[in-house]
Amino acid sequence: MAAQRKHPGVLLVIEVGYKMCFYGVDAETASAVCNIMAFPSGNFLCASIPVPRLHIHVRRLVKAGHKVRAEPPHTLTARLNKKLSGRQ
């Protein structure tokens, strides 16, 4: 994932609907530290937590010495999508 390569050493958690998901190596780390289950989802290992408990699990990860970055859901409006693609 590009975001993981851009920020090495930081656990990336992404909001997907009503839950926050860790993927790949981040899922393994979060699973071990926070005592949550990691499971295969498609081609990636995934560990997820409910959005309201994010602050609890982030606190556990930070106490264990990890850095955490939470990504909001990526919702593109038609106007922003048009601007990013360079169309007029």
Protein backbone atom coordinates (compact mmCIF):
# COMPACT_ATOMS: atom_id res chain seq x y z
CA MET A 1 0.00 0.00 0.00
CA ALA A 2 1.27 3.42 -0.91
CA ALA A 3 0.37 5.00 2.44
CA GLN A 4 2.39 2.37 4.32
CA ARG A 5 5.42 2.94 2.11
CA LYS A 6 5.05 6.70 2.54
CA HIS A 7 5.02 6.45 6.36
CA PRO A 8 7.30 3.57 7.41
CA GLY A 9 7.13 2.56 11.06
CA VAL A 10 3.56 3.83 11.45
CA LEU A 11 0.56 1.53 11.87
CA LEU A 12 -2.13 2.54 9.40
CA VAL A 13 -5.78 2.10 10.37
CA ILE A 14 -8.43 2.86 7.75
CA GLU A 15 -12.11 3.60 8.36
CA VAL A 16 -14.29 1.19 6.38
CA GLY A 17 -17.96 1.79 7.07
CA TYR A 18 -18.62 1.38 10.78
CA LYS A 19 -15.24 -0.19 11.59
CA MET A 20 -11.54 0.64 11.55
CA CYS A 21 -9.32 -1.88 9.74
CA PHE A 22 -5.62 -2.73 9.94
CA TYR A 23 -4.13 -4.60 6.96
CA GLY A 24 -1.07 -6.80 6.40
CA VAL A 25 1.78 -6.52 8.90
CA ASP A 26 -0.13 -3.78 10.71
CA ALA A 27 -2.96 -6.28 11.30
CA GLU A 28 -0.51 -8.78 12.82
CA THR A 29 0.91 -6.12 15.16
CA ALA A 30 -2.50 -4.78 16.19
CA SER A 31 -3.75 -8.31 16.75
CA ALA A 32 -0.88 -9.16 19.08
CA VAL A 33 -0.92 -5.90 21.06
CA CYS A 34 -4.68 -5.28 21.29
CA ASN A 35 -5.75 -8.93 21.58
CA ILE A 36 -8.03 -8.73 18.52
CA MET A 37 -8.46 -11.36 15.82
CA ALA A 38 -6.65 -11.05 12.48
CA PHE A 39 -8.22 -12.90 9.54
CA PRO A 40 -7.60 -13.22 5.80
CA SER A 41 -9.76 -10.85 3.76
CA GLY A 42 -9.17 -11.27 0.05
CA ASN A 43 -5.40 -11.07 -0.50
CA PHE A 44 -4.69 -9.26 2.79
CA LEU A 45 -4.61 -10.11 6.46
CA CYS A 46 -7.16 -7.89 8.21
CA ALA A 47 -7.91 -6.95 11.83
CA SER A 48 -10.83 -4.66 12.61
CA ILE A 49 -12.30 -2.75 15.55
CA PRO A 50 -15.50 -0.72 15.94
CA VAL A 51 -15.10 3.04 15.37
CA PRO A 52 -16.25 3.98 18.93
CA ARG A 53 -13.40 1.89 20.44
CA LEU A 54 -10.66 3.41 18.28
CA HIS A 55 -9.27 5.60 21.09
CA ILE A 56 -8.94 2.58 23.40
CA HIS A 57 -6.96 0.48 20.93
CA VAL A 58 -4.82 3.43 19.78
CA ARG A 59 -3.91 4.07 23.42
CA ARG A 60 -2.81 0.42 23.79
CA LEU A 61 -0.69 0.59 20.63
CA VAL A 62 0.96 3.87 21.67
CA LYS A 63 1.72 2.49 25.15
CA ALA A 64 3.39 -0.47 23.42
CA GLY A 65 5.65 1.99 21.54
CA HIS A 66 3.93 2.13 18.14
CA LYS A 67 2.91 5.15 16.09
CA VAL A 68 -0.61 5.07 14.67
CA ARG A 69 -2.19 6.97 11.78
CA ALA A 70 -5.98 6.88 11.31
CA GLU A 71 -7.24 7.48 7.78
CA PRO A 72 -10.80 8.74 7.27
CA PRO A 73 -12.93 7.15 4.56
CA HIS A 74 -12.06 8.38 1.10
CA THR A 75 -15.20 9.83 -0.39
CA LEU A 76 -14.77 11.79 -3.58
CA THR A 77 -17.42 14.22 -4.67
CA ALA A 78 -18.07 14.57 -8.37
CA ARG A 79 -16.59 18.07 -8.29
CA LEU A 80 -13.37 16.98 -6.56
CA ASN A 81 -13.04 13.91 -8.79
CA LYS A 82 -13.38 16.14 -11.87
CA LYS A 83 -10.72 18.51 -10.52
CA LEU A 84 -8.28 15.67 -9.71
CA SER A 85 -8.67 14.08 -13.14
CA GLY A 86 -7.90 17.38 -14.89
CA ARG A 87 -11.20 17.61 -16.77
CA GLN A 88 -12.95 20.94 -17.21
